[in-house]
Amino acid sequence: MRIPGSLQVLEFAILLITVPMTSHALPMPSGHHGGLVTQCTDPRFFDESPGHDAKVERLERFTFTASDNTDPTSIEVLVNLRPAEVSITPQRSGRLAVEAKLAEPVTQGRAWIKVTGMSDDGCQQLHTWNVYAGH
């Protein structure tokens, strides 16, 4: 019986047991600014213009408001999965007035608007609505 070989097998077995535990560990949720998030407040997006399911001749620009706990650098806007140019104006209330401009106007059919953003304390929020062009 070779003792060194048995030790190598034992070491290999221990390695096989411990590697899956460490490589598949569940990630801890972390916030926009780093640290661990245990509780946070979602940002909100509201006052859309044109609003939900609105019918317009063409969609070139639209506006909405973001709550006062929204990190302005985190706001992203897509229309039919294409990025829109965003202009953000802080309001006296702390809310953010957001205007989005499309690279090309939507002149026919549905425009699916998708807004994402993070709160100052690390919560992410998704807000979507449809606007119909060509009516």
N, C-alpha and C. Protein backbone atom coordinates (compact mmCIF):
# COMPACT_ATOMS: atom_id res chain seq x y z
N MET A 1 0.83 -1.18 0.00
CA MET A 1 0.00 0.00 0.00
C MET A 1 0.88 1.25 0.00
N ARG A 2 0.58 2.20 -0.90
CA ARG A 2 1.39 3.42 -1.00
C ARG A 2 0.68 4.54 -0.25
N ILE A 3 1.24 5.01 0.78
CA ILE A 3 0.66 6.07 1.61
C ILE A 3 0.61 7.39 0.84
N PRO A 4 1.70 7.81 0.17
CA PRO A 4 1.65 9.09 -0.54
C PRO A 4 0.52 9.14 -1.57
N GLY A 5 0.30 8.04 -2.30
CA GLY A 5 -0.77 8.01 -3.30
C GLY A 5 -2.14 8.18 -2.65
N SER A 6 -2.33 7.56 -1.49
CA SER A 6 -3.60 7.67 -0.78
C SER A 6 -3.84 9.09 -0.31
N LEU A 7 -2.77 9.77 0.12
CA LEU A 7 -2.90 11.17 0.53
C LEU A 7 -3.28 12.04 -0.67
N GLN A 8 -2.73 11.76 -1.82
CA GLN A 8 -3.06 12.54 -3.01
C GLN A 8 -4.53 12.34 -3.39
N VAL A 9 -5.03 11.13 -3.28
CA VAL A 9 -6.43 10.86 -3.57
C VAL A 9 -7.32 11.60 -2.57
N LEU A 10 -6.94 11.58 -1.30
CA LEU A 10 -7.71 12.28 -0.26
C LEU A 10 -7.71 13.79 -0.53
N GLU A 11 -6.54 14.35 -0.85
CA GLU A 11 -6.47 15.78 -1.16
C GLU A 11 -7.32 16.12 -2.38
N PHE A 12 -7.31 15.26 -3.38
CA PHE A 12 -8.10 15.48 -4.58
C PHE A 12 -9.59 15.43 -4.24
N ALA A 13 -9.99 14.48 -3.41
CA ALA A 13 -11.40 14.36 -3.00
C ALA A 13 -11.85 15.60 -2.24
N ILE A 14 -11.01 16.10 -1.36
CA ILE A 14 -11.34 17.31 -0.61
C ILE A 14 -11.47 18.49 -1.57
N LEU A 15 -10.61 18.59 -2.52
CA LEU A 15 -10.66 19.64 -3.53
C LEU A 15 -11.97 19.57 -4.32
N LEU A 16 -12.37 18.37 -4.72
CA LEU A 16 -13.62 18.20 -5.47
C LEU A 16 -14.83 18.62 -4.65
N ILE A 17 -14.78 18.41 -3.37
CA ILE A 17 -15.90 18.75 -2.50
C ILE A 17 -15.97 20.26 -2.28
N THR A 18 -14.84 20.91 -2.07
CA THR A 18 -14.84 22.33 -1.72
C THR A 18 -14.97 23.27 -2.91
N VAL A 19 -14.47 22.91 -4.07
CA VAL A 19 -14.54 23.79 -5.24
C VAL A 19 -15.98 24.10 -5.63
N PRO A 20 -16.88 23.11 -5.75
CA PRO A 20 -18.26 23.45 -6.10
C PRO A 20 -18.92 24.38 -5.08
N MET A 21 -18.56 24.25 -3.81
CA MET A 21 -19.15 25.12 -2.80
C MET A 21 -18.76 26.57 -3.00
N THR A 22 -17.53 26.81 -3.39
CA THR A 22 -17.07 28.18 -3.54
C THR A 22 -17.37 28.75 -4.91
N SER A 23 -17.34 27.94 -5.94
CA SER A 23 -17.54 28.48 -7.28
C SER A 23 -18.99 28.73 -7.61
N HIS A 24 -19.90 28.09 -6.89
CA HIS A 24 -21.32 28.27 -7.17
C HIS A 24 -22.03 28.99 -6.04
N ALA A 25 -21.29 29.71 -5.24
CA ALA A 25 -21.91 30.45 -4.14
C ALA A 25 -22.84 31.51 -4.71
N LEU A 26 -23.95 31.73 -4.04
CA LEU A 26 -24.91 32.72 -4.51
C LEU A 26 -24.35 34.12 -4.28
N PRO A 27 -24.46 35.00 -5.28
CA PRO A 27 -23.96 36.36 -5.09
C PRO A 27 -24.87 37.12 -4.15
N MET A 28 -24.30 37.99 -3.36
CA MET A 28 -25.08 38.84 -2.47
C MET A 28 -25.52 40.05 -3.28
N PRO A 29 -26.77 40.51 -3.11
CA PRO A 29 -27.22 41.67 -3.86
C PRO A 29 -26.43 42.90 -3.46
N SER A 30 -26.02 43.67 -4.45
CA SER A 30 -25.28 44.89 -4.16
C SER A 30 -25.95 46.06 -4.86
N GLY A 31 -25.80 47.22 -4.28
CA GLY A 31 -26.45 48.41 -4.79
C GLY A 31 -25.66 49.09 -5.88
N HIS A 32 -26.26 50.14 -6.40
CA HIS A 32 -25.69 50.92 -7.48
C HIS A 32 -24.32 51.49 -7.09
N HIS A 33 -24.16 51.82 -5.80
CA HIS A 33 -22.92 52.42 -5.34
C HIS A 33 -22.01 51.43 -4.62
N GLY A 34 -22.27 50.15 -4.78
CA GLY A 34 -21.38 49.17 -4.17
C GLY A 34 -22.05 48.33 -3.11
N GLY A 35 -22.02 48.68 -1.88
CA GLY A 35 -22.39 47.88 -0.72
C GLY A 35 -23.61 46.98 -0.83
N LEU A 36 -23.79 46.21 0.20
CA LEU A 36 -24.86 45.24 0.29
C LEU A 36 -26.20 45.96 0.45
N VAL A 37 -27.22 45.53 -0.32
CA VAL A 37 -28.55 46.12 -0.24
C VAL A 37 -29.45 45.18 0.53
N THR A 38 -29.96 45.64 1.66
CA THR A 38 -30.91 44.84 2.42
C THR A 38 -32.29 45.45 2.36
N GLN A 39 -32.37 46.76 2.16
CA GLN A 39 -33.66 47.44 2.04
C GLN A 39 -33.43 48.72 1.25
N CYS A 40 -34.34 48.99 0.31
CA CYS A 40 -34.21 50.21 -0.47
C CYS A 40 -35.59 50.61 -0.98
N THR A 41 -35.68 51.80 -1.55
CA THR A 41 -36.93 52.33 -2.06
C THR A 41 -36.81 52.45 -3.58
N ASP A 42 -37.72 51.83 -4.31
CA ASP A 42 -37.70 51.88 -5.77
C ASP A 42 -37.87 53.31 -6.28
N PRO A 43 -37.16 53.66 -7.34
CA PRO A 43 -37.47 54.94 -8.01
C PRO A 43 -38.81 54.79 -8.73
N ARG A 44 -39.48 55.89 -8.98
CA ARG A 44 -40.75 55.84 -9.70
C ARG A 44 -40.67 56.73 -10.93
N PHE A 45 -41.38 56.32 -11.99
CA PHE A 45 -41.47 57.08 -13.23
C PHE A 45 -42.95 57.30 -13.52
N PHE A 46 -43.35 58.54 -13.78
CA PHE A 46 -44.78 58.86 -13.92
C PHE A 46 -44.95 60.12 -14.78
N ASP A 47 -46.20 60.57 -14.94
CA ASP A 47 -46.56 61.76 -15.74
C ASP A 47 -46.04 61.66 -17.18
N GLU A 48 -46.23 60.49 -17.80
CA GLU A 48 -45.76 60.29 -19.16
C GLU A 48 -46.59 61.13 -20.13
N SER A 49 -45.92 61.72 -21.12
CA SER A 49 -46.63 62.46 -22.17
C SER A 49 -45.90 62.25 -23.49
N PRO A 50 -46.54 61.63 -24.49
CA PRO A 50 -47.89 61.06 -24.43
C PRO A 50 -47.95 59.88 -23.47
N GLY A 51 -49.16 59.65 -22.95
CA GLY A 51 -49.36 58.66 -21.91
C GLY A 51 -49.56 57.24 -22.43
N HIS A 52 -49.90 56.36 -21.52
CA HIS A 52 -50.13 54.94 -21.82
C HIS A 52 -51.17 54.78 -22.93
N ASP A 53 -50.81 54.02 -23.95
CA ASP A 53 -51.71 53.68 -25.06
C ASP A 53 -52.24 54.89 -25.83
N ALA A 54 -51.51 56.00 -25.77
CA ALA A 54 -51.92 57.20 -26.52
C ALA A 54 -51.77 56.95 -28.02
N LYS A 55 -52.57 57.65 -28.79
CA LYS A 55 -52.50 57.59 -30.26
C LYS A 55 -52.04 58.95 -30.75
N VAL A 56 -50.95 58.95 -31.54
CA VAL A 56 -50.36 60.19 -32.05
C VAL A 56 -50.08 60.03 -33.55
N GLU A 57 -49.91 61.16 -34.23
CA GLU A 57 -49.56 61.11 -35.65
C GLU A 57 -48.15 60.53 -35.83
N ARG A 58 -47.23 61.02 -35.01
CA ARG A 58 -45.84 60.53 -35.02
C ARG A 58 -45.24 60.76 -33.66
N LEU A 59 -44.30 59.92 -33.30
CA LEU A 59 -43.63 60.05 -32.01
C LEU A 59 -42.17 60.40 -32.25
N GLU A 60 -41.81 61.63 -31.86
CA GLU A 60 -40.41 62.08 -31.99
C GLU A 60 -39.79 62.34 -30.64
N ARG A 61 -40.60 62.86 -29.72
CA ARG A 61 -40.16 63.20 -28.37
C ARG A 61 -41.25 62.81 -27.39
N PHE A 62 -40.85 62.57 -26.17
CA PHE A 62 -41.81 62.36 -25.10
C PHE A 62 -41.16 62.75 -23.78
N THR A 63 -41.99 62.92 -22.77
CA THR A 63 -41.49 63.33 -21.46
C THR A 63 -42.08 62.45 -20.37
N PHE A 64 -41.40 62.44 -19.25
CA PHE A 64 -41.91 61.80 -18.03
C PHE A 64 -41.17 62.40 -16.85
N THR A 65 -41.63 62.07 -15.67
CA THR A 65 -41.01 62.55 -14.44
C THR A 65 -40.46 61.36 -13.67
N ALA A 66 -39.29 61.57 -13.07
CA ALA A 66 -38.67 60.56 -12.20
C ALA A 66 -38.72 61.07 -10.76
N SER A 67 -38.94 60.16 -9.82
CA SER A 67 -39.04 60.54 -8.41
C SER A 67 -37.74 61.13 -7.89
N ASP A 68 -37.84 61.79 -6.77
CA ASP A 68 -36.69 62.51 -6.21
C ASP A 68 -35.58 61.59 -5.69
N ASN A 69 -35.84 60.29 -5.56
CA ASN A 69 -34.79 59.37 -5.11
C ASN A 69 -34.10 58.66 -6.28
N THR A 70 -34.33 59.12 -7.51
CA THR A 70 -33.74 58.51 -8.70
C THR A 70 -32.35 59.08 -8.95
N ASP A 71 -31.39 58.22 -9.19
CA ASP A 71 -30.04 58.64 -9.57
C ASP A 71 -30.10 59.05 -11.04
N PRO A 72 -29.93 60.33 -11.37
CA PRO A 72 -30.08 60.77 -12.76
C PRO A 72 -29.11 60.11 -13.73
N THR A 73 -27.95 59.70 -13.25
CA THR A 73 -26.97 59.08 -14.14
C THR A 73 -27.36 57.65 -14.53
N SER A 74 -28.36 57.09 -13.85
CA SER A 74 -28.75 55.71 -14.11
C SER A 74 -29.92 55.58 -15.08
N ILE A 75 -30.55 56.69 -15.45
CA ILE A 75 -31.75 56.63 -16.29
C ILE A 75 -31.37 56.24 -17.72
N GLU A 76 -32.02 55.19 -18.22
CA GLU A 76 -31.84 54.75 -19.60
C GLU A 76 -33.21 54.61 -20.25
N VAL A 77 -33.31 55.04 -21.51
CA VAL A 77 -34.57 55.00 -22.23
C VAL A 77 -34.38 54.30 -23.57
N LEU A 78 -35.23 53.32 -23.83
CA LEU A 78 -35.25 52.63 -25.11
C LEU A 78 -36.64 52.75 -25.71
N VAL A 79 -36.70 52.92 -27.02
CA VAL A 79 -37.97 52.90 -27.75
C VAL A 79 -37.83 51.83 -28.82
N ASN A 80 -38.68 50.82 -28.74
CA ASN A 80 -38.57 49.64 -29.62
C ASN A 80 -37.15 49.09 -29.60
N LEU A 81 -36.58 49.04 -28.39
CA LEU A 81 -35.24 48.50 -28.11
C LEU A 81 -34.10 49.32 -28.70
N ARG A 82 -34.38 50.56 -29.12
CA ARG A 82 -33.33 51.46 -29.60
C ARG A 82 -33.16 52.60 -28.61
N PRO A 83 -31.91 52.97 -28.29
CA PRO A 83 -31.69 54.03 -27.31
C PRO A 83 -32.24 55.37 -27.78
N ALA A 84 -32.77 56.12 -26.84
CA ALA A 84 -33.23 57.49 -27.10
C ALA A 84 -32.27 58.45 -26.40
N GLU A 85 -32.15 59.64 -26.96
CA GLU A 85 -31.32 60.69 -26.35
C GLU A 85 -32.11 61.29 -25.20
N VAL A 86 -31.50 61.38 -24.02
CA VAL A 86 -32.21 61.81 -22.82
C VAL A 86 -31.65 63.14 -22.32
N SER A 87 -32.58 64.04 -21.96
CA SER A 87 -32.23 65.31 -21.34
C SER A 87 -32.94 65.36 -19.99
N ILE A 88 -32.19 65.63 -18.93
CA ILE A 88 -32.75 65.60 -17.57
C ILE A 88 -32.62 66.98 -16.94
N THR A 89 -33.74 67.47 -16.40
CA THR A 89 -33.76 68.75 -15.73
C THR A 89 -34.22 68.56 -14.28
N PRO A 90 -33.34 68.82 -13.30
CA PRO A 90 -33.76 68.71 -11.90
C PRO A 90 -34.82 69.78 -11.59
N GLN A 91 -35.84 69.39 -10.84
CA GLN A 91 -36.90 70.30 -10.43
C GLN A 91 -36.66 70.76 -8.98
N ARG A 92 -37.28 71.84 -8.60
CA ARG A 92 -37.14 72.36 -7.24
C ARG A 92 -37.57 71.33 -6.19
N SER A 93 -38.55 70.50 -6.54
CA SER A 93 -39.07 69.47 -5.63
C SER A 93 -38.09 68.32 -5.42
N GLY A 94 -37.05 68.24 -6.25
CA GLY A 94 -36.11 67.12 -6.20
C GLY A 94 -36.40 66.09 -7.28
N ARG A 95 -37.61 66.16 -7.84
CA ARG A 95 -37.94 65.26 -8.95
C ARG A 95 -37.13 65.64 -10.18
N LEU A 96 -37.13 64.73 -11.16
CA LEU A 96 -36.38 64.96 -12.39
C LEU A 96 -37.35 64.99 -13.57
N ALA A 97 -37.32 66.08 -14.34
CA ALA A 97 -38.10 66.16 -15.58
C ALA A 97 -37.22 65.56 -16.67
N VAL A 98 -37.73 64.54 -17.35
CA VAL A 98 -36.94 63.84 -18.35
C VAL A 98 -37.61 64.01 -19.71
N GLU A 99 -36.81 64.41 -20.70
CA GLU A 99 -37.28 64.49 -22.09
C GLU A 99 -36.43 63.53 -22.90
N ALA A 100 -37.09 62.72 -23.72
CA ALA A 100 -36.38 61.77 -24.57
C ALA A 100 -36.66 62.11 -26.02
N LYS A 101 -35.61 62.05 -26.83
CA LYS A 101 -35.72 62.34 -28.26
C LYS A 101 -35.28 61.10 -29.02
N LEU A 102 -36.09 60.68 -29.98
CA LEU A 102 -35.78 59.50 -30.78
C LEU A 102 -34.83 59.87 -31.92
N ALA A 103 -33.93 58.96 -32.28
CA ALA A 103 -33.03 59.18 -33.42
C ALA A 103 -33.84 59.27 -34.71
N GLU A 104 -34.87 58.44 -34.82
CA GLU A 104 -35.79 58.47 -35.96
C GLU A 104 -37.20 58.40 -35.41
N PRO A 105 -38.11 59.25 -35.90
CA PRO A 105 -39.47 59.21 -35.38
C PRO A 105 -40.19 57.91 -35.74
N VAL A 106 -41.12 57.54 -34.87
CA VAL A 106 -42.00 56.41 -35.15
C VAL A 106 -43.24 57.02 -35.82
N THR A 107 -43.50 56.62 -37.06
CA THR A 107 -44.62 57.19 -37.82
C THR A 107 -45.77 56.21 -38.01
N GLN A 108 -45.53 54.95 -37.75
CA GLN A 108 -46.56 53.93 -37.95
C GLN A 108 -46.38 52.80 -36.95
N GLY A 109 -47.45 52.43 -36.29
CA GLY A 109 -47.40 51.26 -35.41
C GLY A 109 -47.10 51.60 -33.96
N ARG A 110 -46.73 50.58 -33.21
CA ARG A 110 -46.51 50.69 -31.77
C ARG A 110 -45.10 51.14 -31.46
N ALA A 111 -44.98 52.05 -30.52
CA ALA A 111 -43.70 52.43 -29.94
C ALA A 111 -43.70 51.92 -28.50
N TRP A 112 -42.85 50.94 -28.21
CA TRP A 112 -42.75 50.39 -26.87
C TRP A 112 -41.65 51.15 -26.15
N ILE A 113 -42.03 51.90 -25.13
CA ILE A 113 -41.10 52.74 -24.38
C ILE A 113 -40.71 52.00 -23.10
N LYS A 114 -39.40 51.89 -22.90
CA LYS A 114 -38.85 51.18 -21.73
C LYS A 114 -37.90 52.13 -21.00
N VAL A 115 -38.19 52.39 -19.74
CA VAL A 115 -37.36 53.26 -18.90
C VAL A 115 -36.82 52.44 -17.75
N THR A 116 -35.53 52.53 -17.50
CA THR A 116 -34.93 51.90 -16.33
C THR A 116 -34.12 52.93 -15.57
N GLY A 117 -34.00 52.72 -14.28
CA GLY A 117 -33.21 53.61 -13.45
C GLY A 117 -33.02 53.02 -12.07
N MET A 118 -32.07 53.60 -11.35
CA MET A 118 -31.73 53.14 -10.00
C MET A 118 -32.07 54.25 -9.00
N SER A 119 -32.47 53.81 -7.81
CA SER A 119 -32.65 54.78 -6.73
C SER A 119 -31.29 55.08 -6.11
N ASP A 120 -31.25 56.16 -5.35
CA ASP A 120 -30.01 56.54 -4.67
C ASP A 120 -29.51 55.46 -3.72
N ASP A 121 -30.44 54.63 -3.22
CA ASP A 121 -30.04 53.60 -2.26
C ASP A 121 -29.95 52.20 -2.87
N GLY A 122 -29.97 52.10 -4.22
CA GLY A 122 -29.62 50.84 -4.87
C GLY A 122 -30.71 50.00 -5.47
N CYS A 123 -31.97 50.43 -5.46
CA CYS A 123 -33.04 49.65 -6.10
C CYS A 123 -33.13 50.00 -7.59
N GLN A 124 -33.36 49.00 -8.40
CA GLN A 124 -33.54 49.23 -9.83
C GLN A 124 -35.03 49.10 -10.16
N GLN A 125 -35.50 49.92 -11.10
CA GLN A 125 -36.90 49.88 -11.49
C GLN A 125 -37.02 49.90 -13.01
N LEU A 126 -38.03 49.22 -13.50
CA LEU A 126 -38.36 49.18 -14.92
C LEU A 126 -39.78 49.73 -15.08
N HIS A 127 -39.96 50.61 -16.07
CA HIS A 127 -41.28 51.18 -16.35
C HIS A 127 -41.48 51.15 -17.87
N THR A 128 -42.60 50.63 -18.32
CA THR A 128 -42.86 50.57 -19.77
C THR A 128 -44.26 51.06 -20.08
N TRP A 129 -44.42 51.56 -21.30
CA TRP A 129 -45.73 51.87 -21.82
C TRP A 129 -45.67 51.91 -23.34
N ASN A 130 -46.85 51.87 -23.95
CA ASN A 130 -46.96 51.89 -25.43
C ASN A 130 -47.58 53.19 -25.88
N VAL A 131 -47.10 53.67 -27.02
CA VAL A 131 -47.71 54.79 -27.74
C VAL A 131 -47.88 54.31 -29.17
N TYR A 132 -49.02 54.63 -29.77
CA TYR A 132 -49.33 54.17 -31.12
C TYR A 132 -49.28 55.33 -32.10
N ALA A 133 -48.47 55.20 -33.15
CA ALA A 133 -48.28 56.27 -34.14
C ALA A 133 -49.04 55.94 -35.42
N GLY A 134 -49.39 57.03 -36.14
CA GLY A 134 -50.06 56.88 -37.43
C GLY A 134 -51.56 56.98 -37.32
N HIS A 135 -52.06 57.56 -36.25
CA HIS A 135 -53.51 57.66 -36.03
C HIS A 135 -53.97 59.08 -36.11
